[in-house]
Amino acid sequence: MAGSRLERFGTVFSRVRDLMRSGVVKPSHKPVWYDVYEAFPPNRDPLHVTPPFRTGTSTQDTVPEVFYREDEVRASFYEQYGNAGRLLDLSKSNFTSTCQRFVEKFSELKSRGELDDSVLLEETGKALLSEGVILRRRGAPQVTEARDPVLELKLMDMLAEQQSGGSDPKETTEQTHAS
């Protein structure tokens, strides 16, 4: 009896009653409503009745797909830039994703003038770049600066000397060149 929770296989009262009889539910843990229902049972048992099937009515409602212009812009953004190399920070309530900024800038530029959508997508990327948002195209190689390892060591030595002795950086540079 405890295996099914469908109303058609018994009422909630009968299932709780049977669980109490079998010892699964202890009498000290019985529901609050159990004693009231047992003292005042309904005039007729609540039974599960399948509603009759009406002929001539459509059982399947067709729900039209809902697409907004912003969805198309977002799809173009993710197609071109991916997630733009940034994670979404959902812990901040006022966080605006790069994609959302792209969509907002796109709609702002769209309202200003009549440009083709493909040109407008490029202009939106340029406008965000001018605002300091760097967008990397998907699949584009990432530029990394290769430093000279000797220069790296000299910089580390200079930093260590400045922190330890507080010497003048010009003297430190001259000493490094002399050695």
C-alpha atoms as a PDB file:
ATOM      1  CA  MET A   1       0.000   0.000   0.000  1.00  0.00           C
ATOM      2  CA  ALA A   2       2.861   2.411   0.728  1.00  0.00           C
ATOM      3  CA  GLY A   3       4.276   1.969  -2.767  1.00  0.00           C
ATOM      4  CA  SER A   4       1.670   4.085  -4.561  1.00  0.00           C
ATOM      5  CA  ARG A   5       0.733   7.676  -3.966  1.00  0.00           C
ATOM      6  CA  LEU A   6      -2.034   7.936  -6.504  1.00  0.00           C
ATOM      7  CA  GLU A   7      -5.481   8.817  -5.227  1.00  0.00           C
ATOM      8  CA  ARG A   8      -7.094   6.047  -7.238  1.00  0.00           C
ATOM      9  CA  PHE A   9      -5.455   3.356  -5.078  1.00  0.00           C
ATOM     10  CA  GLY A  10      -6.969   4.550  -1.822  1.00  0.00           C
ATOM     11  CA  THR A  11      -7.543   7.723   0.079  1.00  0.00           C
ATOM     12  CA  VAL A  12      -4.877   9.481   2.052  1.00  0.00           C
ATOM     13  CA  PHE A  13      -6.676   8.396   5.234  1.00  0.00           C
ATOM     14  CA  SER A  14      -6.662   4.714   4.269  1.00  0.00           C
ATOM     15  CA  ARG A  15      -2.981   4.824   3.374  1.00  0.00           C
ATOM     16  CA  VAL A  16      -2.006   6.511   6.656  1.00  0.00           C
ATOM     17  CA  ARG A  17      -4.222   4.091   8.573  1.00  0.00           C
ATOM     18  CA  ASP A  18      -2.581   1.109   6.908  1.00  0.00           C
ATOM     19  CA  LEU A  19       0.897   2.517   7.500  1.00  0.00           C
ATOM     20  CA  MET A  20       0.074   2.911  11.184  1.00  0.00           C
ATOM     21  CA  ARG A  21      -1.268  -0.657  11.359  1.00  0.00           C
ATOM     22  CA  SER A  22       1.887  -2.056   9.762  1.00  0.00           C
ATOM     23  CA  GLY A  23       4.110  -0.071  12.155  1.00  0.00           C
ATOM     24  CA  VAL A  24       5.759   2.134   9.552  1.00  0.00           C
ATOM     25  CA  VAL A  25       4.192   5.258  11.096  1.00  0.00           C
ATOM     26  CA  LYS A  26       4.191   5.315  14.872  1.00  0.00           C
ATOM     27  CA  PRO A  27       1.042   6.509  16.653  1.00  0.00           C
ATOM     28  CA  SER A  28       3.047   9.374  18.152  1.00  0.00           C
ATOM     29  CA  HIS A  29       3.882  10.604  14.614  1.00  0.00           C
ATOM     30  CA  LYS A  30       0.411  10.433  13.103  1.00  0.00           C
ATOM     31  CA  PRO A  31      -0.847  13.518  11.247  1.00  0.00           C
ATOM     32  CA  VAL A  32      -2.808  16.172  13.139  1.00  0.00           C
ATOM     33  CA  TRP A  33      -5.909  15.701  11.014  1.00  0.00           C
ATOM     34  CA  TYR A  34      -6.063  11.900  11.521  1.00  0.00           C
ATOM     35  CA  ASP A  35      -8.159  11.903  14.730  1.00  0.00           C
ATOM     36  CA  VAL A  36     -10.618  14.463  13.352  1.00  0.00           C
ATOM     37  CA  TYR A  37     -11.087  12.507  10.116  1.00  0.00           C
ATOM     38  CA  GLU A  38     -11.534   9.266  12.066  1.00  0.00           C
ATOM     39  CA  ALA A  39     -14.132  10.863  14.373  1.00  0.00           C
ATOM     40  CA  PHE A  40     -16.022  12.632  11.565  1.00  0.00           C
ATOM     41  CA  PRO A  41     -15.594  10.690   8.327  1.00  0.00           C
ATOM     42  CA  PRO A  42     -17.118  12.173   5.176  1.00  0.00           C
ATOM     43  CA  ASN A  43     -20.567  10.983   4.085  1.00  0.00           C
ATOM     44  CA  ARG A  44     -19.048   9.432   0.963  1.00  0.00           C
ATOM     45  CA  ASP A  45     -15.481   8.325   0.395  1.00  0.00           C
ATOM     46  CA  PRO A  46     -13.447  10.649  -1.814  1.00  0.00           C
ATOM     47  CA  LEU A  47     -12.709   8.529  -4.865  1.00  0.00           C
ATOM     48  CA  HIS A  48     -10.587   9.267  -7.847  1.00  0.00           C
ATOM     49  CA  VAL A  49     -12.805   9.573 -10.888  1.00  0.00           C
ATOM     50  CA  THR A  50     -11.299  10.061 -14.308  1.00  0.00           C
ATOM     51  CA  PRO A  51     -13.037  12.932 -16.048  1.00  0.00           C
ATOM     52  CA  PRO A  52     -14.968  11.733 -19.071  1.00  0.00           C
ATOM     53  CA  PHE A  53     -13.396  12.308 -22.460  1.00  0.00           C
ATOM     54  CA  ARG A  54     -15.344  14.829 -24.501  1.00  0.00           C
ATOM     55  CA  THR A  55     -15.461  14.146 -28.195  1.00  0.00           C
ATOM     56  CA  GLY A  56     -15.081  17.009 -30.559  1.00  0.00           C
ATOM     57  CA  THR A  57     -12.598  18.903 -28.394  1.00  0.00           C
ATOM     58  CA  SER A  58      -8.956  19.164 -29.136  1.00  0.00           C
ATOM     59  CA  THR A  59      -6.870  17.505 -26.460  1.00  0.00           C
ATOM     60  CA  GLN A  60      -3.638  19.101 -27.578  1.00  0.00           C
ATOM     61  CA  ASP A  61      -3.328  22.843 -27.365  1.00  0.00           C
ATOM     62  CA  THR A  62      -0.719  24.262 -29.641  1.00  0.00           C
ATOM     63  CA  VAL A  63       1.482  26.775 -27.932  1.00  0.00           C
ATOM     64  CA  PRO A  64       3.167  29.128 -30.367  1.00  0.00           C
ATOM     65  CA  GLU A  65       6.911  29.521 -30.043  1.00  0.00           C
ATOM     66  CA  VAL A  66       7.879  32.797 -28.459  1.00  0.00           C
ATOM     67  CA  PHE A  67      10.937  34.495 -29.893  1.00  0.00           C
ATOM     68  CA  TYR A  68      12.029  38.007 -29.148  1.00  0.00           C
ATOM     69  CA  ARG A  69      14.412  40.121 -31.182  1.00  0.00           C
ATOM     70  CA  GLU A  70      16.788  40.037 -28.204  1.00  0.00           C
ATOM     71  CA  ASP A  71      16.962  36.241 -28.470  1.00  0.00           C
ATOM     72  CA  GLU A  72      18.288  36.501 -32.008  1.00  0.00           C
ATOM     73  CA  VAL A  73      20.879  39.076 -30.926  1.00  0.00           C
ATOM     74  CA  ARG A  74      21.939  36.842 -28.009  1.00  0.00           C
ATOM     75  CA  ALA A  75      22.265  33.868 -30.361  1.00  0.00           C
ATOM     76  CA  SER A  76      24.453  35.941 -32.700  1.00  0.00           C
ATOM     77  CA  PHE A  77      26.561  37.113 -29.740  1.00  0.00           C
ATOM     78  CA  TYR A  78      27.180  33.588 -28.450  1.00  0.00           C
ATOM     79  CA  GLU A  79      27.840  32.363 -31.987  1.00  0.00           C
ATOM     80  CA  GLN A  80      30.504  35.028 -32.547  1.00  0.00           C
ATOM     81  CA  TYR A  81      32.028  35.431 -29.088  1.00  0.00           C
ATOM     82  CA  GLY A  82      30.997  32.413 -27.005  1.00  0.00           C
ATOM     83  CA  ASN A  83      30.743  33.396 -23.368  1.00  0.00           C
ATOM     84  CA  ALA A  84      33.291  36.153 -24.029  1.00  0.00           C
ATOM     85  CA  GLY A  85      35.759  34.516 -21.662  1.00  0.00           C
ATOM     86  CA  ARG A  86      33.868  35.574 -18.573  1.00  0.00           C
ATOM     87  CA  LEU A  87      31.806  33.689 -16.059  1.00  0.00           C
ATOM     88  CA  LEU A  88      28.431  34.891 -14.899  1.00  0.00           C
ATOM     89  CA  ASP A  89      28.541  36.210 -11.346  1.00  0.00           C
ATOM     90  CA  LEU A  90      25.053  35.437 -10.063  1.00  0.00           C
ATOM     91  CA  SER A  91      25.929  36.298  -6.467  1.00  0.00           C
ATOM     92  CA  LYS A  92      25.571  40.015  -7.263  1.00  0.00           C
ATOM     93  CA  SER A  93      22.040  41.224  -7.842  1.00  0.00           C
ATOM     94  CA  ASN A  94      23.130  44.132 -10.056  1.00  0.00           C
ATOM     95  CA  PHE A  95      25.498  42.050 -12.238  1.00  0.00           C
ATOM     96  CA  THR A  96      25.059  42.595 -15.971  1.00  0.00           C
ATOM     97  CA  SER A  97      26.568  39.972 -18.245  1.00  0.00           C
ATOM     98  CA  THR A  98      28.608  40.890 -21.283  1.00  0.00           C
ATOM     99  CA  CYS A  99      25.884  39.419 -23.462  1.00  0.00           C
ATOM    100  CA  GLN A 100      23.227  41.594 -21.830  1.00  0.00           C
ATOM    101  CA  ARG A 101      25.400  44.685 -22.311  1.00  0.00           C
ATOM    102  CA  PHE A 102      25.789  43.669 -25.962  1.00  0.00           C
ATOM    103  CA  VAL A 103      22.014  43.343 -26.372  1.00  0.00           C
ATOM    104  CA  GLU A 104      21.377  46.704 -24.709  1.00  0.00           C
ATOM    105  CA  LYS A 105      23.991  48.450 -26.866  1.00  0.00           C
ATOM    106  CA  PHE A 106      22.595  46.735 -29.979  1.00  0.00           C
ATOM    107  CA  SER A 107      19.064  47.965 -29.276  1.00  0.00           C
ATOM    108  CA  GLU A 108      20.402  51.453 -28.542  1.00  0.00           C
ATOM    109  CA  LEU A 109      22.247  51.568 -31.849  1.00  0.00           C
ATOM    110  CA  LYS A 110      19.266  50.041 -33.665  1.00  0.00           C
ATOM    111  CA  SER A 111      16.989  52.802 -32.379  1.00  0.00           C
ATOM    112  CA  ARG A 112      19.387  55.499 -33.628  1.00  0.00           C
ATOM    113  CA  GLY A 113      19.440  54.608 -37.302  1.00  0.00           C
ATOM    114  CA  GLU A 114      18.784  52.217 -40.138  1.00  0.00           C
ATOM    115  CA  LEU A 115      21.684  49.813 -40.455  1.00  0.00           C
ATOM    116  CA  ASP A 116      21.798  46.240 -41.670  1.00  0.00           C
ATOM    117  CA  ASP A 117      21.797  43.743 -38.802  1.00  0.00           C
ATOM    118  CA  SER A 118      25.175  42.219 -39.690  1.00  0.00           C
ATOM    119  CA  VAL A 119      26.758  45.687 -39.845  1.00  0.00           C
ATOM    120  CA  LEU A 120      24.979  46.630 -36.647  1.00  0.00           C
ATOM    121  CA  LEU A 121      26.421  43.575 -34.851  1.00  0.00           C
ATOM    122  CA  GLU A 122      29.934  44.681 -35.852  1.00  0.00           C
ATOM    123  CA  GLU A 123      29.243  48.262 -34.788  1.00  0.00           C
ATOM    124  CA  THR A 124      27.937  47.042 -31.443  1.00  0.00           C
ATOM    125  CA  GLY A 125      31.175  45.144 -30.867  1.00  0.00           C
ATOM    126  CA  LYS A 126      33.178  48.260 -31.728  1.00  0.00           C
ATOM    127  CA  ALA A 127      31.033  50.433 -29.445  1.00  0.00           C
ATOM    128  CA  LEU A 128      31.547  48.058 -26.535  1.00  0.00           C
ATOM    129  CA  LEU A 129      35.275  48.030 -27.244  1.00  0.00           C
ATOM    130  CA  SER A 130      35.322  51.834 -27.024  1.00  0.00           C
ATOM    131  CA  GLU A 131      33.619  51.500 -23.616  1.00  0.00           C
ATOM    132  CA  GLY A 132      36.363  49.152 -22.438  1.00  0.00           C
ATOM    133  CA  VAL A 133      34.621  45.800 -22.914  1.00  0.00           C
ATOM    134  CA  ILE A 134      37.009  43.458 -24.691  1.00  0.00           C
ATOM    135  CA  LEU A 135      35.287  40.826 -26.814  1.00  0.00           C
ATOM    136  CA  ARG A 136      37.302  37.934 -28.239  1.00  0.00           C
ATOM    137  CA  ARG A 137      35.963  36.153 -31.257  1.00  0.00           C
ATOM    138  CA  ARG A 138      35.364  32.472 -30.914  1.00  0.00           C
ATOM    139  CA  GLY A 139      38.285  30.397 -32.130  1.00  0.00           C
ATOM    140  CA  ALA A 140      40.612  33.400 -32.339  1.00  0.00           C
ATOM    141  CA  PRO A 141      44.050  32.742 -30.845  1.00  0.00           C
ATOM    142  CA  GLN A 142      44.671  34.434 -27.535  1.00  0.00           C
ATOM    143  CA  VAL A 143      47.572  36.835 -27.549  1.00  0.00           C
ATOM    144  CA  THR A 144      50.070  36.190 -24.784  1.00  0.00           C
ATOM    145  CA  GLU A 145      53.211  38.189 -24.262  1.00  0.00           C
ATOM    146  CA  ALA A 146      56.382  36.161 -24.251  1.00  0.00           C
ATOM    147  CA  ARG A 147      58.874  37.638 -21.796  1.00  0.00           C
ATOM    148  CA  ASP A 148      62.548  37.069 -21.825  1.00  0.00           C
ATOM    149  CA  PRO A 149      63.397  34.762 -18.879  1.00  0.00           C
ATOM    150  CA  VAL A 150      66.578  36.752 -18.125  1.00  0.00           C
ATOM    151  CA  LEU A 151      64.593  39.973 -17.949  1.00  0.00           C
ATOM    152  CA  GLU A 152      62.093  38.217 -15.674  1.00  0.00           C
ATOM    153  CA  LEU A 153      64.918  37.241 -13.274  1.00  0.00           C
ATOM    154  CA  LYS A 154      66.369  40.758 -13.285  1.00  0.00           C
ATOM    155  CA  LEU A 155      62.966  42.230 -12.494  1.00  0.00           C
ATOM    156  CA  MET A 156      62.487  39.768  -9.641  1.00  0.00           C
ATOM    157  CA  ASP A 157      65.944  40.613  -8.256  1.00  0.00           C
ATOM    158  CA  MET A 158      65.232  44.334  -8.470  1.00  0.00           C
ATOM    159  CA  LEU A 159      61.929  43.908  -6.679  1.00  0.00           C
ATOM    160  CA  ALA A 160      63.515  41.839  -3.925  1.00  0.00           C
ATOM    161  CA  GLU A 161      66.288  44.409  -3.403  1.00  0.00           C
ATOM    162  CA  GLN A 162      63.820  47.291  -3.260  1.00  0.00           C
ATOM    163  CA  GLN A 163      61.680  45.507  -0.698  1.00  0.00           C
ATOM    164  CA  SER A 164      64.597  44.457   1.497  1.00  0.00           C
ATOM    165  CA  GLY A 165      66.859  47.474   1.502  1.00  0.00           C
ATOM    166  CA  GLY A 166      64.789  50.254   0.106  1.00  0.00           C
ATOM    167  CA  SER A 167      67.645  51.207  -2.230  1.00  0.00           C
ATOM    168  CA  ASP A 168      67.298  53.595  -5.112  1.00  0.00           C
ATOM    169  CA  PRO A 169      66.006  51.874  -8.280  1.00  0.00           C
ATOM    170  CA  LYS A 170      68.653  53.648 -10.429  1.00  0.00           C
ATOM    171  CA  GLU A 171      71.464  52.213  -8.278  1.00  0.00           C
ATOM    172  CA  THR A 172      69.908  48.759  -8.489  1.00  0.00           C
ATOM    173  CA  THR A 173      69.741  48.987 -12.274  1.00  0.00           C
ATOM    174  CA  GLU A 174      73.358  50.140 -12.521  1.00  0.00           C
ATOM    175  CA  GLN A 175      74.479  47.281 -10.241  1.00  0.00           C
ATOM    176  CA  THR A 176      72.570  44.775 -12.349  1.00  0.00           C
ATOM    177  CA  HIS A 177      74.204  46.027 -15.573  1.00  0.00           C
ATOM    178  CA  ALA A 178      77.664  45.978 -14.001  1.00  0.00           C
ATOM    179  CA  SER A 179      77.428  42.297 -13.080  1.00  0.00           C
END
